[in-house]
PDB file of all heavy atoms in Angstrom:
ATOM      1  N   ALA A   1     -35.497  33.396  16.115  1.00  0.00           N
ATOM      2  CA  ALA A   1     -34.639  33.299  14.947  1.00  0.00           C
ATOM      3  C   ALA A   1     -33.322  33.984  15.248  1.00  0.00           C
ATOM      4  O   ALA A   1     -33.310  35.125  15.784  1.00  0.00           O
ATOM      5  CB  ALA A   1     -35.315  33.951  13.741  1.00  0.00           C
ATOM      6  N   SER A   2     -32.221  33.349  14.972  1.00  0.00           N
ATOM      7  CA  SER A   2     -30.898  33.888  15.332  1.00  0.00           C
ATOM      8  C   SER A   2     -30.611  35.213  14.619  1.00  0.00           C
ATOM      9  O   SER A   2     -29.904  36.032  15.173  1.00  0.00           O
ATOM     10  CB  SER A   2     -29.784  32.858  15.060  1.00  0.00           C
ATOM     11  OG  SER A   2     -29.768  32.568  13.675  1.00  0.00           O
ATOM     12  N   GLN A   3     -31.129  35.439  13.448  1.00  0.00           N
ATOM     13  CA  GLN A   3     -30.849  36.679  12.704  1.00  0.00           C
ATOM     14  C   GLN A   3     -31.629  37.861  13.287  1.00  0.00           C
ATOM     15  O   GLN A   3     -31.329  38.992  13.021  1.00  0.00           O
ATOM     16  CB  GLN A   3     -31.068  36.552  11.217  1.00  0.00           C
ATOM     17  CG  GLN A   3     -32.455  36.131  10.809  1.00  0.00           C
ATOM     18  CD  GLN A   3     -32.662  34.657  10.746  1.00  0.00           C
ATOM     19  OE1 GLN A   3     -31.899  33.896  11.318  1.00  0.00           O
ATOM     20  NE2 GLN A   3     -33.689  34.248   9.986  1.00  0.00           N
ATOM     21  N   THR A   4     -32.699  37.613  14.059  1.00  0.00           N
ATOM     22  CA  THR A   4     -33.493  38.731  14.638  1.00  0.00           C
ATOM     23  C   THR A   4     -32.869  39.216  15.928  1.00  0.00           C
ATOM     24  O   THR A   4     -33.185  40.285  16.376  1.00  0.00           O
ATOM     25  CB  THR A   4     -34.917  38.277  14.921  1.00  0.00           C
ATOM     26  OG1 THR A   4     -34.924  37.214  15.849  1.00  0.00           O
ATOM     27  CG2 THR A   4     -35.624  37.869  13.649  1.00  0.00           C
ATOM     28  N   LEU A   5     -32.025  38.432  16.568  1.00  0.00           N
ATOM     29  CA  LEU A   5     -31.419  38.801  17.823  1.00  0.00           C
ATOM     30  C   LEU A   5     -29.982  39.245  17.647  1.00  0.00           C
ATOM     31  O   LEU A   5     -29.155  38.425  17.219  1.00  0.00           O
ATOM     32  CB  LEU A   5     -31.522  37.614  18.823  1.00  0.00           C
ATOM     33  CG  LEU A   5     -30.853  37.809  20.172  1.00  0.00           C
ATOM     34  CD1 LEU A   5     -31.475  38.924  20.950  1.00  0.00           C
ATOM     35  CD2 LEU A   5     -30.969  36.525  20.974  1.00  0.00           C
ATOM     36  N   GLN A   6     -29.697  40.492  17.938  1.00  0.00           N
ATOM     37  CA  GLN A   6     -28.348  40.989  17.837  1.00  0.00           C
ATOM     38  C   GLN A   6     -28.062  41.831  19.075  1.00  0.00           C
ATOM     39  O   GLN A   6     -28.831  42.669  19.471  1.00  0.00           O
ATOM     40  CB  GLN A   6     -28.146  41.871  16.600  1.00  0.00           C
ATOM     41  CG  GLN A   6     -28.088  41.098  15.309  1.00  0.00           C
ATOM     42  CD  GLN A   6     -27.564  41.991  14.169  1.00  0.00           C
ATOM     43  OE1 GLN A   6     -27.845  43.174  14.152  1.00  0.00           O
ATOM     44  NE2 GLN A   6     -26.905  41.365  13.242  1.00  0.00           N
ATOM     45  N   THR A   7     -26.883  41.608  19.660  1.00  0.00           N
ATOM     46  CA  THR A   7     -26.425  42.458  20.736  1.00  0.00           C
ATOM     47  C   THR A   7     -25.917  43.793  20.118  1.00  0.00           C
ATOM     48  O   THR A   7     -25.698  43.849  18.944  1.00  0.00           O
ATOM     49  CB  THR A   7     -25.272  41.772  21.541  1.00  0.00           C
ATOM     50  OG1 THR A   7     -24.216  41.564  20.689  1.00  0.00           O
ATOM     51  CG2 THR A   7     -25.766  40.466  22.160  1.00  0.00           C
ATOM     52  N   ALA A   8     -25.717  44.773  20.968  1.00  0.00           N
ATOM     53  CA  ALA A   8     -25.292  46.064  20.497  1.00  0.00           C
ATOM     54  C   ALA A   8     -23.894  45.982  19.893  1.00  0.00           C
ATOM     55  O   ALA A   8     -23.622  46.553  18.848  1.00  0.00           O
ATOM     56  CB  ALA A   8     -25.305  47.120  21.597  1.00  0.00           C
ATOM     57  N   CYS A   9     -22.977  45.200  20.501  1.00  0.00           N
ATOM     58  CA  CYS A   9     -21.649  45.077  19.997  1.00  0.00           C
ATOM     59  C   CYS A   9     -21.623  44.349  18.627  1.00  0.00           C
ATOM     60  O   CYS A   9     -20.864  44.680  17.722  1.00  0.00           O
ATOM     61  CB  CYS A   9     -20.702  44.405  20.959  1.00  0.00           C
ATOM     62  SG  CYS A   9     -21.249  42.781  21.512  1.00  0.00           S
ATOM     63  N   GLN A  10     -22.513  43.357  18.519  1.00  0.00           N
ATOM     64  CA  GLN A  10     -22.628  42.592  17.256  1.00  0.00           C
ATOM     65  C   GLN A  10     -23.164  43.512  16.158  1.00  0.00           C
ATOM     66  O   GLN A  10     -22.735  43.449  15.019  1.00  0.00           O
ATOM     67  CB  GLN A  10     -23.534  41.403  17.466  1.00  0.00           C
ATOM     68  CG  GLN A  10     -23.714  40.527  16.268  1.00  0.00           C
ATOM     69  CD  GLN A  10     -24.682  39.370  16.540  1.00  0.00           C
ATOM     70  OE1 GLN A  10     -25.286  39.277  17.611  1.00  0.00           O
ATOM     71  NE2 GLN A  10     -24.841  38.530  15.547  1.00  0.00           N
ATOM     72  N   GLN A  11     -24.142  44.334  16.480  1.00  0.00           N
ATOM     73  CA  GLN A  11     -24.789  45.204  15.506  1.00  0.00           C
ATOM     74  C   GLN A  11     -23.822  46.275  14.989  1.00  0.00           C
ATOM     75  O   GLN A  11     -23.844  46.608  13.809  1.00  0.00           O
ATOM     76  CB  GLN A  11     -25.993  45.892  16.155  1.00  0.00           C
ATOM     77  CG  GLN A  11     -26.716  46.838  15.257  1.00  0.00           C
ATOM     78  CD  GLN A  11     -27.917  47.468  15.976  1.00  0.00           C
ATOM     79  OE1 GLN A  11     -28.301  47.048  17.061  1.00  0.00           O
ATOM     80  NE2 GLN A  11     -28.463  48.482  15.371  1.00  0.00           N
ATOM     81  N   THR A  12     -22.947  46.758  15.854  1.00  0.00           N
ATOM     82  CA  THR A  12     -22.052  47.856  15.450  1.00  0.00           C
ATOM     83  C   THR A  12     -20.700  47.391  14.927  1.00  0.00           C
ATOM     84  O   THR A  12     -19.940  48.199  14.430  1.00  0.00           O
ATOM     85  CB  THR A  12     -21.825  48.827  16.638  1.00  0.00           C
ATOM     86  OG1 THR A  12     -21.249  48.098  17.714  1.00  0.00           O
ATOM     87  CG2 THR A  12     -23.116  49.474  17.050  1.00  0.00           C
ATOM     88  N   CYS A  13     -20.398  46.094  15.036  1.00  0.00           N
ATOM     89  CA  CYS A  13     -19.069  45.623  14.602  1.00  0.00           C
ATOM     90  C   CYS A  13     -18.956  45.707  13.092  1.00  0.00           C
ATOM     91  O   CYS A  13     -19.717  45.005  12.387  1.00  0.00           O
ATOM     92  CB  CYS A  13     -18.837  44.190  15.107  1.00  0.00           C
ATOM     93  SG  CYS A  13     -17.252  43.546  14.590  1.00  0.00           S
ATOM     94  N   PRO A  14     -18.087  46.468  12.521  1.00  0.00           N
ATOM     95  CA  PRO A  14     -17.986  46.616  11.040  1.00  0.00           C
ATOM     96  C   PRO A  14     -17.493  45.374  10.344  1.00  0.00           C
ATOM     97  O   PRO A  14     -17.808  45.179   9.184  1.00  0.00           O
ATOM     98  CB  PRO A  14     -17.024  47.766  10.864  1.00  0.00           C
ATOM     99  CG  PRO A  14     -16.172  47.792  12.088  1.00  0.00           C
ATOM    100  CD  PRO A  14     -17.065  47.308  13.207  1.00  0.00           C
ATOM    101  N   THR A  15     -16.761  44.480  11.007  1.00  0.00           N
ATOM    102  CA  THR A  15     -16.245  43.297  10.375  1.00  0.00           C
ATOM    103  C   THR A  15     -17.110  42.043  10.646  1.00  0.00           C
ATOM    104  O   THR A  15     -16.775  40.987  10.176  1.00  0.00           O
ATOM    105  CB  THR A  15     -14.814  43.001  10.912  1.00  0.00           C
ATOM    106  OG1 THR A  15     -14.894  42.761  12.326  1.00  0.00           O
ATOM    107  CG2 THR A  15     -13.874  44.135  10.614  1.00  0.00           C
ATOM    108  N   GLN A  16     -18.185  42.228  11.381  1.00  0.00           N
ATOM    109  CA  GLN A  16     -19.091  41.114  11.727  1.00  0.00           C
ATOM    110  C   GLN A  16     -18.339  39.995  12.419  1.00  0.00           C
ATOM    111  O   GLN A  16     -18.570  38.813  12.157  1.00  0.00           O
ATOM    112  CB  GLN A  16     -19.868  40.655  10.527  1.00  0.00           C
ATOM    113  CG  GLN A  16     -20.744  41.725   9.911  1.00  0.00           C
ATOM    114  CD  GLN A  16     -21.465  41.231   8.671  1.00  0.00           C
ATOM    115  OE1 GLN A  16     -21.171  40.204   8.114  1.00  0.00           O
ATOM    116  NE2 GLN A  16     -22.406  42.064   8.257  1.00  0.00           N
ATOM    117  N   ALA A  17     -17.407  40.359  13.257  1.00  0.00           N
ATOM    118  CA  ALA A  17     -16.594  39.363  13.980  1.00  0.00           C
ATOM    119  C   ALA A  17     -17.293  38.785  15.195  1.00  0.00           C
ATOM    120  O   ALA A  17     -16.824  37.798  15.730  1.00  0.00           O
ATOM    121  CB  ALA A  17     -15.260  39.977  14.394  1.00  0.00           C
ATOM    122  N   ILE A  18     -18.385  39.396  15.627  1.00  0.00           N
ATOM    123  CA  ILE A  18     -19.093  38.955  16.839  1.00  0.00           C
ATOM    124  C   ILE A  18     -20.324  38.178  16.431  1.00  0.00           C
ATOM    125  O   ILE A  18     -21.114  38.679  15.626  1.00  0.00           O
ATOM    126  CB  ILE A  18     -19.446  40.190  17.730  1.00  0.00           C
ATOM    127  CG1 ILE A  18     -18.193  40.928  18.090  1.00  0.00           C
ATOM    128  CG2 ILE A  18     -20.262  39.741  18.916  1.00  0.00           C
ATOM    129  CD1 ILE A  18     -18.456  42.265  18.764  1.00  0.00           C
ATOM    130  N   VAL A  19     -20.447  36.965  16.937  1.00  0.00           N
ATOM    131  CA  VAL A  19     -21.582  36.115  16.606  1.00  0.00           C
ATOM    132  C   VAL A  19     -22.270  35.748  17.922  1.00  0.00           C
ATOM    133  O   VAL A  19     -21.609  35.399  18.886  1.00  0.00           O
ATOM    134  CB  VAL A  19     -21.126  34.827  15.867  1.00  0.00           C
ATOM    135  CG1 VAL A  19     -22.311  33.922  15.551  1.00  0.00           C
ATOM    136  CG2 VAL A  19     -20.348  35.171  14.615  1.00  0.00           C
ATOM    137  N   PHE A  20     -23.548  35.850  17.951  1.00  0.00           N
ATOM    138  CA  PHE A  20     -24.356  35.564  19.125  1.00  0.00           C
ATOM    139  C   PHE A  20     -25.511  34.642  18.740  1.00  0.00           C
ATOM    140  O   PHE A  20     -26.107  34.821  17.656  1.00  0.00           O
ATOM    141  CB  PHE A  20     -24.944  36.866  19.655  1.00  0.00           C
ATOM    142  CG  PHE A  20     -25.641  36.773  20.962  1.00  0.00           C
ATOM    143  CD1 PHE A  20     -24.956  36.736  22.156  1.00  0.00           C
ATOM    144  CD2 PHE A  20     -27.034  36.660  21.015  1.00  0.00           C
ATOM    145  CE1 PHE A  20     -25.581  36.638  23.364  1.00  0.00           C
ATOM    146  CE2 PHE A  20     -27.672  36.566  22.251  1.00  0.00           C
ATOM    147  CZ  PHE A  20     -26.943  36.514  23.370  1.00  0.00           C
ATOM    148  N   GLY A  21     -25.726  33.616  19.488  1.00  0.00           N
ATOM    149  CA  GLY A  21     -26.794  32.703  19.095  1.00  0.00           C
ATOM    150  C   GLY A  21     -27.037  31.590  20.111  1.00  0.00           C
ATOM    151  O   GLY A  21     -26.488  31.535  21.199  1.00  0.00           O
ATOM    152  N   ASP A  22     -27.792  30.604  19.685  1.00  0.00           N
ATOM    153  CA  ASP A  22     -28.203  29.453  20.499  1.00  0.00           C
ATOM    154  C   ASP A  22     -27.334  28.280  20.194  1.00  0.00           C
ATOM    155  O   ASP A  22     -27.350  27.728  19.068  1.00  0.00           O
ATOM    156  CB  ASP A  22     -29.686  29.145  20.194  1.00  0.00           C
ATOM    157  CG  ASP A  22     -30.246  28.089  21.124  1.00  0.00           C
ATOM    158  OD1 ASP A  22     -29.505  27.563  21.968  1.00  0.00           O
ATOM    159  OD2 ASP A  22     -31.467  27.775  21.013  1.00  0.00           O
ATOM    160  N   LEU A  23     -26.546  27.818  21.127  1.00  0.00           N
ATOM    161  CA  LEU A  23     -25.614  26.682  20.928  1.00  0.00           C
ATOM    162  C   LEU A  23     -26.340  25.387  20.782  1.00  0.00           C
ATOM    163  O   LEU A  23     -25.811  24.434  20.210  1.00  0.00           O
ATOM    164  CB  LEU A  23     -24.641  26.570  22.097  1.00  0.00           C
ATOM    165  CG  LEU A  23     -23.460  27.550  22.084  1.00  0.00           C
ATOM    166  CD1 LEU A  23     -22.663  27.435  23.365  1.00  0.00           C
ATOM    167  CD2 LEU A  23     -22.572  27.249  20.902  1.00  0.00           C
ATOM    168  N   SER A  24     -27.571  25.270  21.316  1.00  0.00           N
ATOM    169  CA  SER A  24     -28.262  24.012  21.257  1.00  0.00           C
ATOM    170  C   SER A  24     -28.842  23.694  19.905  1.00  0.00           C
ATOM    171  O   SER A  24     -29.260  22.567  19.629  1.00  0.00           O
ATOM    172  CB  SER A  24     -29.401  23.993  22.320  1.00  0.00           C
ATOM    173  OG  SER A  24     -30.366  24.955  21.988  1.00  0.00           O
ATOM    174  N   ARG A  25     -28.856  24.675  19.000  1.00  0.00           N
ATOM    175  CA  ARG A  25     -29.404  24.466  17.656  1.00  0.00           C
ATOM    176  C   ARG A  25     -28.221  24.063  16.718  1.00  0.00           C
ATOM    177  O   ARG A  25     -27.337  24.896  16.498  1.00  0.00           O
ATOM    178  CB  ARG A  25     -30.095  25.714  17.141  1.00  0.00           C
ATOM    179  CG  ARG A  25     -31.338  25.986  17.972  1.00  0.00           C
ATOM    180  CD  ARG A  25     -32.040  27.213  17.523  1.00  0.00           C
ATOM    181  NE  ARG A  25     -32.376  27.131  16.119  1.00  0.00           N
ATOM    182  CZ  ARG A  25     -32.879  28.176  15.451  1.00  0.00           C
ATOM    183  NH1 ARG A  25     -33.052  29.312  16.025  1.00  0.00           N
ATOM    184  NH2 ARG A  25     -33.146  28.021  14.148  1.00  0.00           N
ATOM    185  N   ALA A  26     -28.282  22.867  16.197  1.00  0.00           N
ATOM    186  CA  ALA A  26     -27.183  22.385  15.339  1.00  0.00           C
ATOM    187  C   ALA A  26     -27.125  23.072  14.007  1.00  0.00           C
ATOM    188  O   ALA A  26     -26.108  23.072  13.322  1.00  0.00           O
ATOM    189  CB  ALA A  26     -27.316  20.870  15.153  1.00  0.00           C
ATOM    190  N   ASP A  27     -28.240  23.728  13.585  1.00  0.00           N
ATOM    191  CA  ASP A  27     -28.238  24.409  12.283  1.00  0.00           C
ATOM    192  C   ASP A  27     -27.707  25.835  12.350  1.00  0.00           C
ATOM    193  O   ASP A  27     -27.592  26.473  11.297  1.00  0.00           O
ATOM    194  CB  ASP A  27     -29.666  24.419  11.693  1.00  0.00           C
ATOM    195  CG  ASP A  27     -30.661  25.213  12.581  1.00  0.00           C
ATOM    196  OD1 ASP A  27     -30.336  25.416  13.817  1.00  0.00           O
ATOM    197  OD2 ASP A  27     -31.714  25.593  12.082  1.00  0.00           O
ATOM    198  N   SER A  28     -27.319  26.259  13.496  1.00  0.00           N
ATOM    199  CA  SER A  28     -26.812  27.659  13.597  1.00  0.00           C
ATOM    200  C   SER A  28     -25.317  27.721  13.201  1.00  0.00           C
ATOM    201  O   SER A  28     -24.565  26.782  13.373  1.00  0.00           O
ATOM    202  CB  SER A  28     -27.000  28.216  15.021  1.00  0.00           C
ATOM    203  OG  SER A  28     -26.142  27.565  15.904  1.00  0.00           O
ATOM    204  N   GLY A  29     -24.905  28.875  12.702  1.00  0.00           N
ATOM    205  CA  GLY A  29     -23.492  29.077  12.358  1.00  0.00           C
ATOM    206  C   GLY A  29     -22.611  29.068  13.594  1.00  0.00           C
ATOM    207  O   GLY A  29     -21.441  28.703  13.517  1.00  0.00           O
ATOM    208  N   LEU A  30     -23.185  29.460  14.709  1.00  0.00           N
ATOM    209  CA  LEU A  30     -22.437  29.452  15.959  1.00  0.00           C
ATOM    210  C   LEU A  30     -22.026  28.053  16.373  1.00  0.00           C
ATOM    211  O   LEU A  30     -20.927  27.821  16.778  1.00  0.00           O
ATOM    212  CB  LEU A  30     -23.280  30.100  17.057  1.00  0.00           C
ATOM    213  CG  LEU A  30     -22.655  30.246  18.433  1.00  0.00           C
ATOM    214  CD1 LEU A  30     -21.471  31.194  18.365  1.00  0.00           C
ATOM    215  CD2 LEU A  30     -23.656  30.712  19.437  1.00  0.00           C
ATOM    216  N   HIS A  31     -22.906  27.114  16.210  1.00  0.00           N
ATOM    217  CA  HIS A  31     -22.621  25.700  16.535  1.00  0.00           C
ATOM    218  C   HIS A  31     -21.467  25.199  15.693  1.00  0.00           C
ATOM    219  O   HIS A  31     -20.572  24.529  16.175  1.00  0.00           O
ATOM    220  CB  HIS A  31     -23.870  24.824  16.297  1.00  0.00           C
ATOM    221  CG  HIS A  31     -23.699  23.440  16.693  1.00  0.00           C
ATOM    222  ND1 HIS A  31     -23.742  22.976  18.014  1.00  0.00           N
ATOM    223  CD2 HIS A  31     -23.488  22.313  15.964  1.00  0.00           C
ATOM    224  CE1 HIS A  31     -23.519  21.680  18.058  1.00  0.00           C
ATOM    225  NE2 HIS A  31     -23.366  21.282  16.831  1.00  0.00           N
ATOM    226  N   TYR A  32     -21.473  25.532  14.415  1.00  0.00           N
ATOM    227  CA  TYR A  32     -20.358  25.127  13.502  1.00  0.00           C
ATOM    228  C   TYR A  32     -19.052  25.762  13.962  1.00  0.00           C
ATOM    229  O   TYR A  32     -18.019  25.081  13.999  1.00  0.00           O
ATOM    230  CB  TYR A  32     -20.667  25.565  12.061  1.00  0.00           C
ATOM    231  CG  TYR A  32     -19.500  25.426  11.144  1.00  0.00           C
ATOM    232  CD1 TYR A  32     -19.059  24.188  10.685  1.00  0.00           C
ATOM    233  CD2 TYR A  32     -18.816  26.557  10.743  1.00  0.00           C
ATOM    234  CE1 TYR A  32     -17.985  24.061   9.859  1.00  0.00           C
ATOM    235  CE2 TYR A  32     -17.707  26.440   9.890  1.00  0.00           C
ATOM    236  CZ  TYR A  32     -17.295  25.213   9.459  1.00  0.00           C
ATOM    237  OH  TYR A  32     -16.241  25.119   8.634  1.00  0.00           O
ATOM    238  N   GLN A  33     -19.061  27.038  14.307  1.00  0.00           N
ATOM    239  CA  GLN A  33     -17.815  27.710  14.702  1.00  0.00           C
ATOM    240  C   GLN A  33     -17.246  27.116  16.004  1.00  0.00           C
ATOM    241  O   GLN A  33     -16.055  27.077  16.181  1.00  0.00           O
ATOM    242  CB  GLN A  33     -18.089  29.192  14.853  1.00  0.00           C
ATOM    243  CG  GLN A  33     -18.282  29.875  13.529  1.00  0.00           C
ATOM    244  CD  GLN A  33     -18.554  31.350  13.672  1.00  0.00           C
ATOM    245  OE1 GLN A  33     -18.789  31.861  14.776  1.00  0.00           O
ATOM    246  NE2 GLN A  33     -18.519  32.064  12.586  1.00  0.00           N
ATOM    247  N   ARG A  34     -18.115  26.678  16.917  1.00  0.00           N
ATOM    248  CA  ARG A  34     -17.646  26.126  18.167  1.00  0.00           C
ATOM    249  C   ARG A  34     -16.987  24.740  17.935  1.00  0.00           C
ATOM    250  O   ARG A  34     -16.212  24.286  18.783  1.00  0.00           O
ATOM    251  CB  ARG A  34     -18.769  25.936  19.175  1.00  0.00           C
ATOM    252  CG  ARG A  34     -19.361  27.201  19.695  1.00  0.00           C
ATOM    253  CD  ARG A  34     -18.465  27.882  20.688  1.00  0.00           C
ATOM    254  NE  ARG A  34     -18.301  27.168  21.915  1.00  0.00           N
ATOM    255  CZ  ARG A  34     -18.777  27.528  23.106  1.00  0.00           C
ATOM    256  NH1 ARG A  34     -19.510  28.599  23.204  1.00  0.00           N
ATOM    257  NH2 ARG A  34     -18.517  26.836  24.157  1.00  0.00           N
TER     258      ARG A  34
END
């Protein structure tokens, strides 16, 4: 699950500007942003 996996920089970013995830999943927010 994309919400269970967070890198340290993503976890500590106060503005939530860092997104990490699986590009092959079309339902992820990362896919939309790309």
